[in-house]
Amino acid sequence: MHERVANLLGAAALAVTDRVLAGARANAGVSASGAAALVVASTGHELSVTELGRRIGLSQSAAARMVDSLEGKRLLERRPRHGREVAVGLTDEGHRVARGLLDARGTGLESLLDALSPAEQKQLGDLLSTLLTRIHQDVGNADLLCRLCDRASCTTDAVCPVGQAQRDGPG
């Protein structure tokens, strides 16, 4: 049975990923990493290109290319910081697109949950919290794991399991 459940989980995870990423491309016209960068930047913290890349799983050079692309679309802009340091922040259009990405993501995922009763949705939420806590042990980085999360929805009336795992983890 364990092998079957693992296979079902893999198929479901891939299908959900495809749905989320298709929505990102359709609604914003950006890559998966571009969508993640917009969502991460929408939290209001100006980050360096290197830090933004780290949070979405890109090398510094790949992050710089992605920022160039998003800057060309007028979604992100570089802003001077201390000395030669530069921060990246969303433009007004970038904020609008990031919100649209999260809204489309939520709509697509919520429509899948319509197949489940409220009790089943609660049970699935509990199971996903357990799985995400375990996944965090492998990934070790809440920013990376939650790079396309709608953080406000995850923390309304609940504790984010990934954030809690980060707080409970070593160091």
Protein backbone atom coordinates (compact mmCIF):
# COMPACT_ATOMS: atom_id res chain seq x y z
CA MET A 1 0.00 0.00 0.00
CA HIS A 2 2.85 2.43 0.84
CA GLU A 3 4.14 2.24 -2.75
CA ARG A 4 0.67 2.96 -4.16
CA VAL A 5 0.14 5.94 -1.84
CA ALA A 6 3.58 7.31 -2.75
CA ASN A 7 2.73 6.98 -6.44
CA LEU A 8 -0.65 8.70 -5.95
CA LEU A 9 1.04 11.50 -4.02
CA GLY A 10 3.59 11.95 -6.81
CA ALA A 11 0.92 12.09 -9.51
CA ALA A 12 -1.19 14.54 -7.50
CA ALA A 13 1.83 16.72 -6.67
CA LEU A 14 2.82 16.94 -10.33
CA ALA A 15 -0.73 17.72 -11.45
CA VAL A 16 -1.09 20.44 -8.81
CA THR A 17 2.30 21.89 -9.78
CA ASP A 18 1.29 21.94 -13.45
CA ARG A 19 -1.94 23.72 -12.55
CA VAL A 20 -0.21 26.35 -10.41
CA LEU A 21 2.54 27.03 -12.94
CA ALA A 22 0.13 27.16 -15.89
CA GLY A 23 -1.81 29.82 -14.01
CA ALA A 24 1.38 31.79 -13.41
CA ARG A 25 2.32 31.73 -17.06
CA ALA A 26 -1.19 32.52 -18.28
CA ASN A 27 -1.92 35.33 -15.83
CA ALA A 28 1.46 37.03 -15.67
CA GLY A 29 3.38 35.89 -18.72
CA VAL A 30 6.38 35.01 -16.59
CA SER A 31 8.38 31.87 -15.85
CA ALA A 32 7.93 29.81 -12.71
CA SER A 33 10.98 31.48 -11.16
CA GLY A 34 9.70 34.89 -12.26
CA ALA A 35 6.35 34.18 -10.62
CA ALA A 36 8.11 33.09 -7.43
CA ALA A 37 10.26 36.23 -7.47
CA LEU A 38 7.20 38.45 -7.75
CA VAL A 39 5.44 36.66 -4.88
CA VAL A 40 8.54 36.78 -2.67
CA ALA A 41 9.10 40.46 -3.47
CA SER A 42 5.44 41.20 -2.69
CA THR A 43 6.07 40.54 1.01
CA GLY A 44 7.42 44.07 1.19
CA HIS A 45 11.05 43.32 1.96
CA GLU A 46 13.52 44.76 -0.49
CA LEU A 47 16.14 42.12 -1.18
CA SER A 48 19.40 41.99 -3.03
CA VAL A 49 19.40 40.06 -6.30
CA THR A 50 21.49 37.37 -4.61
CA GLU A 51 19.07 37.04 -1.68
CA LEU A 52 16.05 36.98 -3.98
CA GLY A 53 17.74 34.21 -5.96
CA ARG A 54 18.48 32.25 -2.80
CA ARG A 55 14.85 32.46 -1.73
CA ILE A 56 13.60 31.07 -5.02
CA GLY A 57 16.37 28.56 -5.66
CA LEU A 58 18.44 30.35 -8.31
CA SER A 59 22.15 31.06 -8.52
CA GLN A 60 23.22 34.70 -8.42
CA SER A 61 23.81 34.82 -12.18
CA ALA A 62 20.45 33.17 -12.98
CA ALA A 63 18.72 35.52 -10.53
CA ALA A 64 20.35 38.53 -12.20
CA ARG A 65 19.06 37.39 -15.61
CA MET A 66 15.58 36.83 -14.20
CA VAL A 67 15.59 40.28 -12.55
CA ASP A 68 16.69 41.80 -15.87
CA SER A 69 13.73 40.11 -17.55
CA LEU A 70 11.23 41.25 -14.90
CA GLU A 71 12.72 44.73 -14.95
CA GLY A 72 12.24 44.78 -18.72
CA LYS A 73 8.56 43.99 -18.17
CA ARG A 74 8.43 46.84 -15.61
CA LEU A 75 7.47 44.46 -12.80
CA LEU A 76 10.62 44.85 -10.68
CA GLU A 77 13.10 47.67 -10.31
CA ARG A 78 16.56 47.93 -8.85
CA ARG A 79 16.92 50.52 -6.09
CA PRO A 80 20.16 51.87 -4.60
CA ARG A 81 20.96 50.88 -1.03
CA HIS A 82 24.18 51.28 0.95
CA GLY A 83 27.27 52.03 -1.12
CA ARG A 84 27.23 49.86 -4.24
CA GLU A 85 24.54 47.56 -2.88
CA VAL A 86 21.31 47.40 -4.87
CA ALA A 87 17.90 46.16 -3.72
CA VAL A 88 15.09 44.81 -5.84
CA GLY A 89 11.50 45.92 -5.29
CA LEU A 90 8.19 45.61 -7.05
CA THR A 91 6.80 48.37 -9.20
CA ASP A 92 3.10 49.24 -8.92
CA GLU A 93 2.48 46.94 -11.88
CA GLY A 94 4.55 44.24 -10.19
CA HIS A 95 2.35 44.46 -7.09
CA ARG A 96 -0.75 44.09 -9.26
CA VAL A 97 0.69 41.10 -11.12
CA ALA A 98 1.87 39.41 -7.90
CA ARG A 99 -1.62 39.76 -6.39
CA GLY A 100 -3.11 38.36 -9.60
CA LEU A 101 -0.71 35.40 -9.44
CA LEU A 102 -1.76 34.59 -5.88
CA ASP A 103 -5.44 35.02 -6.69
CA ALA A 104 -5.21 32.72 -9.74
CA ARG A 105 -3.20 30.18 -7.74
CA GLY A 106 -5.80 30.21 -4.97
CA THR A 107 -8.73 29.87 -7.36
CA GLY A 108 -7.14 26.94 -9.16
CA LEU A 109 -6.29 25.12 -5.95
CA GLU A 110 -9.62 25.84 -4.26
CA SER A 111 -11.49 24.39 -7.23
CA LEU A 112 -9.65 21.11 -6.65
CA LEU A 113 -10.74 21.09 -3.03
CA ASP A 114 -14.40 21.37 -4.07
CA ALA A 115 -14.24 17.59 -4.67
CA LEU A 116 -13.80 17.08 -0.91
CA SER A 117 -16.27 17.51 1.93
CA PRO A 118 -15.43 20.05 4.64
CA ALA A 119 -14.34 17.21 6.94
CA GLU A 120 -12.10 15.77 4.22
CA GLN A 121 -10.62 19.23 3.57
CA LYS A 122 -9.79 19.55 7.28
CA GLN A 123 -8.23 16.09 7.28
CA LEU A 124 -6.21 16.93 4.15
CA GLY A 125 -5.05 20.17 5.76
CA ASP A 126 -3.81 18.27 8.80
CA LEU A 127 -2.03 15.70 6.61
CA LEU A 128 -0.44 18.40 4.45
CA SER A 129 0.79 20.20 7.57
CA THR A 130 2.50 16.99 8.67
CA LEU A 131 4.03 16.44 5.22
CA LEU A 132 5.23 20.04 4.95
CA THR A 133 6.88 19.81 8.35
CA ARG A 134 8.72 16.70 7.13
CA ILE A 135 9.61 18.34 3.79
CA HIS A 136 11.07 21.29 5.68
CA GLN A 137 13.50 18.89 7.36
CA ASP A 138 14.90 18.08 3.89
CA VAL A 139 14.74 21.57 2.38
CA GLY A 140 15.69 23.45 5.53
CA ASN A 141 14.55 26.79 4.14
CA ALA A 142 11.03 28.14 4.68
CA ASP A 143 11.57 30.95 2.16
CA LEU A 144 12.43 28.48 -0.59
CA LEU A 145 9.69 26.02 0.32
CA CYS A 146 7.02 28.74 0.45
CA ARG A 147 8.19 30.78 -2.53
CA LEU A 148 4.75 30.71 -4.20
CA CYS A 149 2.66 30.69 -1.03
CA ASP A 150 -0.07 33.12 -0.19
CA ARG A 151 1.32 33.64 3.29
CA ALA A 152 -1.65 35.58 4.58
CA SER A 153 -4.04 32.72 3.80
CA CYS A 154 -1.75 30.22 5.52
CA THR A 155 -1.52 32.17 8.75
CA THR A 156 -5.13 33.33 9.12
CA ASP A 157 -6.61 31.46 12.09
CA ALA A 158 -3.72 28.96 12.04
CA VAL A 159 0.02 28.58 12.40
CA CYS A 160 1.94 27.95 9.19
CA PRO A 161 3.48 24.47 9.55
CA VAL A 162 6.56 25.46 7.55
CA GLY A 163 7.15 28.59 9.58
CA GLN A 164 6.74 26.58 12.76
CA ALA A 165 9.18 23.94 11.50
CA GLN A 166 11.66 26.73 10.72
CA ARG A 167 11.29 28.14 14.24
CA ASP A 168 11.56 24.69 15.83
CA GLY A 169 14.52 23.60 13.69
CA PRO A 170 18.19 23.67 14.55
CA GLY A 171 20.05 26.96 14.78
